[in-house]
Amino acid sequence: MSYRTIIVHADASRHAPQRIQVAARLAAEHEAHLVGVAAVGVSREVFPHGYHAAPGKLEASYFEPLQATATRALEQFAELAGEAGVAFEKRLVCDLASEALARLGRFADLLVVSQDDPDEALTDTIGRIPEYVAFTCARPVLVVPRAPVAHGPGRHVLVAWNGSKEASAALLAALPLMRGAVRVTVVAFRPPGDTDLGDPQHHADLTAFLARHDVQAEIMAVDRQIDGGDALLGIAAQGAYDLLVMGCYGHSQFRELFLGGVTRKVLQDATISVLMAH
């Protein structure tokens, strides 16, 4: 498998350039088509057939600036994608950013968004976009951190493994990145009394699966005596990893998201890119 279509969120936030540059580098490395998606920030229910408001009307005075901001965000995306020399297209969507990304993400192999920034109250950046998109579009999501990144993610990869379907989905989604990695480590947190993750055959099967995809990985088993989120971030920092791969745990009911503690901790505090799948 490989990434053939990558979608990146384009908005007016201060984190947009880094996010777009990361997505463009990935598109170049994988010869993928890059789609920049900018949302007007108004629910599709308001304008189900796209934004149409007569100039000079009261509604136009409110909605036109939103559309103009999204248009400028796409212009910035086009400039950065053009500099990277990748095939790209711009998509202006009349919807909330989270909904637009989740809907269009179903036609992509990977979505690239930024870690939520509580200090930046832009329409397109609030609302816990990373987890909402991961839960609703059934595609892997690469979350670029608020912190500066020196290069694209995937040189030194840390994979969180517990044998669940979510962890398995994330592992599969990360294969195109892991093939080109310098180092891949799979860390398995083994709770007290576990008889599966500590089984040598389990490790052998995992190692063999990765090897058949040209990924050479080290397996690290850790007895989980501390919070998994803190442990993951601590291992990532100590080992100078630039990408954390993990399942996204929780569920979505309407627009209310209930996350597992590990997922919440990592999404809030990570300083490296996180690839997650649900």
Protein backbone atom coordinates (compact mmCIF):
# COMPACT_ATOMS: atom_id res chain seq x y z
CA MET A 1 0.00 0.00 0.00
CA SER A 2 1.01 3.62 -0.48
CA TYR A 3 -0.45 7.08 -0.07
CA ARG A 4 -1.94 8.18 -3.39
CA THR A 5 -4.19 10.99 -2.13
CA ILE A 6 -3.37 13.21 0.85
CA ILE A 7 -5.76 15.83 2.20
CA VAL A 8 -4.49 18.73 4.29
CA HIS A 9 -6.51 21.26 6.24
CA ALA A 10 -5.92 24.79 4.92
CA ASP A 11 -6.92 27.65 7.18
CA ALA A 12 -5.72 31.02 8.46
CA SER A 13 -4.12 29.74 11.65
CA ARG A 14 -0.47 30.36 12.52
CA HIS A 15 0.13 26.59 12.33
CA ALA A 16 -1.13 26.25 8.75
CA PRO A 17 2.23 26.77 6.96
CA GLN A 18 3.99 24.04 8.94
CA ARG A 19 1.06 21.65 8.47
CA ILE A 20 0.92 22.28 4.72
CA GLN A 21 4.69 21.94 4.33
CA VAL A 22 4.63 18.58 6.15
CA ALA A 23 1.79 17.37 3.91
CA ALA A 24 3.58 18.61 0.79
CA ARG A 25 6.79 16.80 1.75
CA LEU A 26 4.84 13.59 2.25
CA ALA A 27 3.09 14.05 -1.10
CA ALA A 28 6.46 14.51 -2.79
CA GLU A 29 7.98 11.46 -1.09
CA HIS A 30 5.04 9.23 -1.98
CA GLU A 31 4.21 10.80 -5.36
CA ALA A 32 0.74 11.50 -4.02
CA HIS A 33 -1.91 13.99 -5.10
CA LEU A 34 -2.32 16.73 -2.49
CA VAL A 35 -5.72 18.29 -1.81
CA GLY A 36 -5.99 21.45 0.25
CA VAL A 37 -9.38 21.79 1.96
CA ALA A 38 -10.51 25.15 3.31
CA ALA A 39 -13.88 25.47 5.00
CA VAL A 40 -15.98 28.60 5.25
CA GLY A 41 -16.78 27.68 8.84
CA VAL A 42 -20.57 27.62 8.53
CA SER A 43 -22.52 24.39 8.83
CA ARG A 44 -23.58 22.78 5.59
CA GLU A 45 -27.12 22.86 6.95
CA VAL A 46 -27.17 26.65 6.53
CA PHE A 47 -26.11 26.52 2.85
CA PRO A 48 -26.73 22.93 1.69
CA HIS A 49 -26.01 23.85 -1.92
CA GLY A 50 -23.03 26.10 -1.26
CA TYR A 51 -22.76 29.72 -0.22
CA HIS A 52 -25.00 32.11 -2.13
CA ALA A 53 -25.85 35.50 -0.68
CA ALA A 54 -26.68 38.65 -2.56
CA PRO A 55 -24.04 41.36 -2.10
CA GLY A 56 -25.08 44.11 0.28
CA LYS A 57 -27.49 41.92 2.24
CA LEU A 58 -27.09 41.45 6.01
CA GLU A 59 -26.15 37.80 5.65
CA ALA A 60 -23.49 38.68 3.08
CA SER A 61 -21.87 41.09 5.54
CA TYR A 62 -21.36 38.13 7.89
CA PHE A 63 -20.55 35.30 5.50
CA GLU A 64 -18.45 37.06 2.86
CA PRO A 65 -15.51 37.70 5.22
CA LEU A 66 -15.51 34.02 6.18
CA GLN A 67 -15.39 32.98 2.55
CA ALA A 68 -12.65 35.53 1.84
CA THR A 69 -10.55 34.13 4.70
CA ALA A 70 -10.95 30.57 3.42
CA THR A 71 -10.02 31.72 -0.08
CA ARG A 72 -6.82 33.34 1.20
CA ALA A 73 -5.99 30.14 3.08
CA LEU A 74 -6.23 28.23 -0.19
CA GLU A 75 -3.97 30.75 -1.90
CA GLN A 76 -1.34 30.14 0.78
CA PHE A 77 -1.78 26.39 0.34
CA ALA A 78 -1.31 26.67 -3.42
CA GLU A 79 1.85 28.73 -2.99
CA LEU A 80 3.42 26.22 -0.57
CA ALA A 81 2.33 23.18 -2.58
CA GLY A 82 3.69 24.78 -5.74
CA GLU A 83 7.05 25.40 -4.07
CA ALA A 84 7.16 21.69 -3.16
CA GLY A 85 6.55 20.72 -6.78
CA VAL A 86 3.67 18.34 -6.09
CA ALA A 87 0.40 17.75 -7.93
CA PHE A 88 -2.32 19.55 -6.00
CA GLU A 89 -5.82 20.95 -6.08
CA LYS A 90 -7.77 23.45 -3.98
CA ARG A 91 -11.17 22.73 -2.46
CA LEU A 92 -13.30 25.48 -0.93
CA VAL A 93 -16.12 23.90 1.09
CA CYS A 94 -19.13 25.59 2.64
CA ASP A 95 -19.17 23.68 5.93
CA LEU A 96 -17.53 23.42 9.31
CA ALA A 97 -13.88 22.43 9.00
CA SER A 98 -14.29 19.21 10.97
CA GLU A 99 -17.26 18.09 8.88
CA ALA A 100 -15.63 19.04 5.57
CA LEU A 101 -12.43 17.14 6.38
CA ALA A 102 -14.29 14.08 7.62
CA ARG A 103 -16.50 13.96 4.53
CA LEU A 104 -13.77 14.52 1.94
CA GLY A 105 -11.31 12.39 3.88
CA ARG A 106 -13.20 9.28 2.85
CA PHE A 107 -11.71 9.75 -0.61
CA ALA A 108 -8.13 10.01 0.65
CA ASP A 109 -5.45 7.73 2.06
CA LEU A 110 -4.28 10.16 4.72
CA LEU A 111 -5.45 13.42 6.29
CA VAL A 112 -3.06 15.99 7.74
CA VAL A 113 -4.30 18.38 10.45
CA SER A 114 -2.74 20.33 13.29
CA GLN A 115 -2.84 19.67 16.99
CA ASP A 116 -5.56 21.81 18.53
CA ASP A 117 -4.29 25.09 19.92
CA PRO A 118 -6.39 26.43 22.81
CA ASP A 119 -4.70 29.84 22.44
CA GLU A 120 -5.98 30.31 18.91
CA ALA A 121 -9.72 30.86 18.66
CA LEU A 122 -10.22 30.66 14.90
CA THR A 123 -13.43 29.20 13.52
CA ASP A 124 -11.58 26.55 11.57
CA THR A 125 -9.24 25.46 14.35
CA ILE A 126 -11.42 25.02 17.41
CA GLY A 127 -13.58 21.98 18.01
CA ARG A 128 -11.08 19.15 18.45
CA ILE A 129 -10.61 18.54 14.76
CA PRO A 130 -8.05 15.67 14.98
CA GLU A 131 -10.15 13.25 16.98
CA TYR A 132 -13.43 14.19 15.32
CA VAL A 133 -12.00 13.50 11.87
CA ALA A 134 -10.37 10.24 12.99
CA PHE A 135 -13.63 8.97 14.48
CA THR A 136 -15.89 9.91 11.58
CA CYS A 137 -13.98 9.45 8.31
CA ALA A 138 -12.44 5.98 8.83
CA ARG A 139 -9.07 7.15 7.50
CA PRO A 140 -5.75 7.66 9.28
CA VAL A 141 -5.03 11.17 10.50
CA LEU A 142 -1.57 12.70 10.87
CA VAL A 143 -1.60 15.32 13.62
CA VAL A 144 1.22 17.85 13.21
CA PRO A 145 2.24 19.35 16.57
CA ARG A 146 2.03 22.98 17.62
CA ALA A 147 5.77 22.79 18.32
CA PRO A 148 8.13 23.42 15.39
CA VAL A 149 9.29 20.33 13.47
CA ALA A 150 12.66 20.18 11.75
CA HIS A 151 11.65 17.77 9.00
CA GLY A 152 8.82 15.53 7.89
CA PRO A 153 7.78 12.75 10.27
CA GLY A 154 8.80 9.14 9.81
CA ARG A 155 12.57 8.88 10.24
CA HIS A 156 12.34 7.59 13.81
CA VAL A 157 8.98 5.93 14.48
CA LEU A 158 7.50 4.79 17.77
CA VAL A 159 4.44 2.53 17.52
CA ALA A 160 2.10 2.06 20.49
CA TRP A 161 0.82 -1.51 20.46
CA ASN A 162 -1.75 -3.30 22.61
CA GLY A 163 -3.13 -5.80 20.12
CA SER A 164 -6.44 -3.97 19.63
CA LYS A 165 -8.19 -3.33 16.32
CA GLU A 166 -7.44 0.40 16.68
CA ALA A 167 -3.72 -0.26 17.16
CA SER A 168 -3.80 -2.67 14.22
CA ALA A 169 -5.47 -0.06 12.00
CA ALA A 170 -2.84 2.53 12.95
CA LEU A 171 -0.02 0.06 12.32
CA LEU A 172 -1.35 -0.71 8.85
CA ALA A 173 -1.87 2.97 8.03
CA ALA A 174 1.72 3.81 8.99
CA LEU A 175 3.38 1.19 6.77
CA PRO A 176 4.20 3.63 3.93
CA LEU A 177 6.01 5.86 6.44
CA MET A 178 7.74 3.05 8.30
CA ARG A 179 9.22 1.56 5.12
CA GLY A 180 11.47 4.57 4.74
CA ALA A 181 12.27 4.96 8.45
CA VAL A 182 15.74 4.79 9.92
CA ARG A 183 14.38 3.23 13.11
CA VAL A 184 11.06 1.65 14.10
CA THR A 185 10.26 0.62 17.66
CA VAL A 186 7.02 -1.07 18.69
CA VAL A 187 6.29 -0.58 22.38
CA ALA A 188 3.76 -2.92 23.99
CA PHE A 189 2.41 -1.90 27.38
CA ARG A 190 1.74 -5.10 29.26
CA PRO A 191 -0.83 -4.76 32.04
CA PRO A 192 -0.53 -6.98 35.13
CA GLY A 193 -1.74 -10.52 34.46
CA ASP A 194 -1.50 -10.19 30.68
CA THR A 195 -0.83 -13.49 28.89
CA ASP A 196 -0.99 -12.24 25.30
CA LEU A 197 1.35 -9.28 24.79
CA GLY A 198 4.08 -11.08 26.69
CA ASP A 199 3.77 -14.21 24.55
CA PRO A 200 6.91 -14.70 22.41
CA GLN A 201 4.73 -15.94 19.55
CA HIS A 202 2.76 -12.68 19.61
CA HIS A 203 6.00 -10.73 19.18
CA ALA A 204 7.19 -13.11 16.47
CA ASP A 205 3.96 -12.71 14.51
CA LEU A 206 4.14 -8.92 14.77
CA THR A 207 7.78 -8.82 13.72
CA ALA A 208 7.13 -11.16 10.79
CA PHE A 209 4.14 -9.11 9.59
CA LEU A 210 6.23 -5.94 9.55
CA ALA A 211 9.18 -7.68 7.89
CA ARG A 212 6.96 -8.84 5.02
CA HIS A 213 6.24 -5.14 4.45
CA ASP A 214 9.97 -4.34 4.46
CA VAL A 215 9.87 -2.85 7.95
CA GLN A 216 12.53 -3.95 10.43
CA ALA A 217 11.28 -3.20 13.94
CA GLU A 218 12.46 -3.57 17.49
CA ILE A 219 9.81 -4.84 19.93
CA MET A 220 9.84 -3.33 23.42
CA ALA A 221 7.62 -4.79 26.16
CA VAL A 222 6.87 -2.50 29.10
CA ASP A 223 5.00 -3.46 32.26
CA ARG A 224 2.38 -0.76 32.51
CA GLN A 225 2.55 0.61 36.02
CA ILE A 226 2.09 4.29 35.10
CA ASP A 227 -0.26 6.29 32.92
CA GLY A 228 0.11 5.10 29.33
CA GLY A 229 -0.02 8.61 27.85
CA ASP A 230 2.80 9.91 30.02
CA ALA A 231 4.78 6.73 29.36
CA LEU A 232 4.42 7.00 25.59
CA LEU A 233 5.42 10.65 25.49
CA GLY A 234 8.33 9.96 27.83
CA ILE A 235 9.67 7.13 25.66
CA ALA A 236 9.22 9.28 22.54
CA ALA A 237 11.18 12.15 24.09
CA GLN A 238 13.96 9.98 25.50
CA GLY A 239 14.44 8.16 22.20
CA ALA A 240 14.22 11.31 20.03
CA TYR A 241 11.40 9.85 17.91
CA ASP A 242 9.69 12.14 15.41
CA LEU A 243 6.49 10.14 14.86
CA LEU A 244 4.17 8.34 17.25
CA VAL A 245 1.75 5.79 15.75
CA MET A 246 -1.25 4.84 17.86
CA GLY A 247 -4.87 3.80 17.83
CA CYS A 248 -7.48 6.43 18.71
CA TYR A 249 -9.74 5.20 21.49
CA GLY A 250 -13.18 6.40 22.49
CA HIS A 251 -16.41 7.00 20.63
CA SER A 252 -18.36 9.77 18.98
CA GLN A 253 -22.02 10.47 19.66
CA PHE A 254 -23.33 13.27 17.50
CA ARG A 255 -20.60 15.93 17.99
CA GLU A 256 -19.68 14.93 21.54
CA LEU A 257 -16.41 13.00 21.76
CA PHE A 258 -15.43 10.82 24.67
CA LEU A 259 -11.75 9.92 24.51
CA GLY A 260 -9.70 7.38 26.39
CA GLY A 261 -7.16 8.83 28.79
CA VAL A 262 -4.13 7.86 26.71
CA THR A 263 -5.57 9.37 23.51
CA ARG A 264 -6.51 12.60 25.26
CA LYS A 265 -3.12 12.95 26.94
CA VAL A 266 -1.15 12.39 23.73
CA LEU A 267 -3.29 14.73 21.63
CA GLN A 268 -3.00 17.49 24.22
CA ASP A 269 0.69 17.24 25.08
CA ALA A 270 2.57 15.67 22.13
CA THR A 271 5.45 17.70 20.70
CA ILE A 272 5.97 15.33 17.77
CA SER A 273 3.66 14.27 14.95
CA VAL A 274 1.08 11.60 15.79
CA LEU A 275 -0.47 9.25 13.24
CA MET A 276 -3.68 7.80 14.62
CA ALA A 277 -6.48 5.60 13.39
CA HIS A 278 -9.74 4.45 14.92
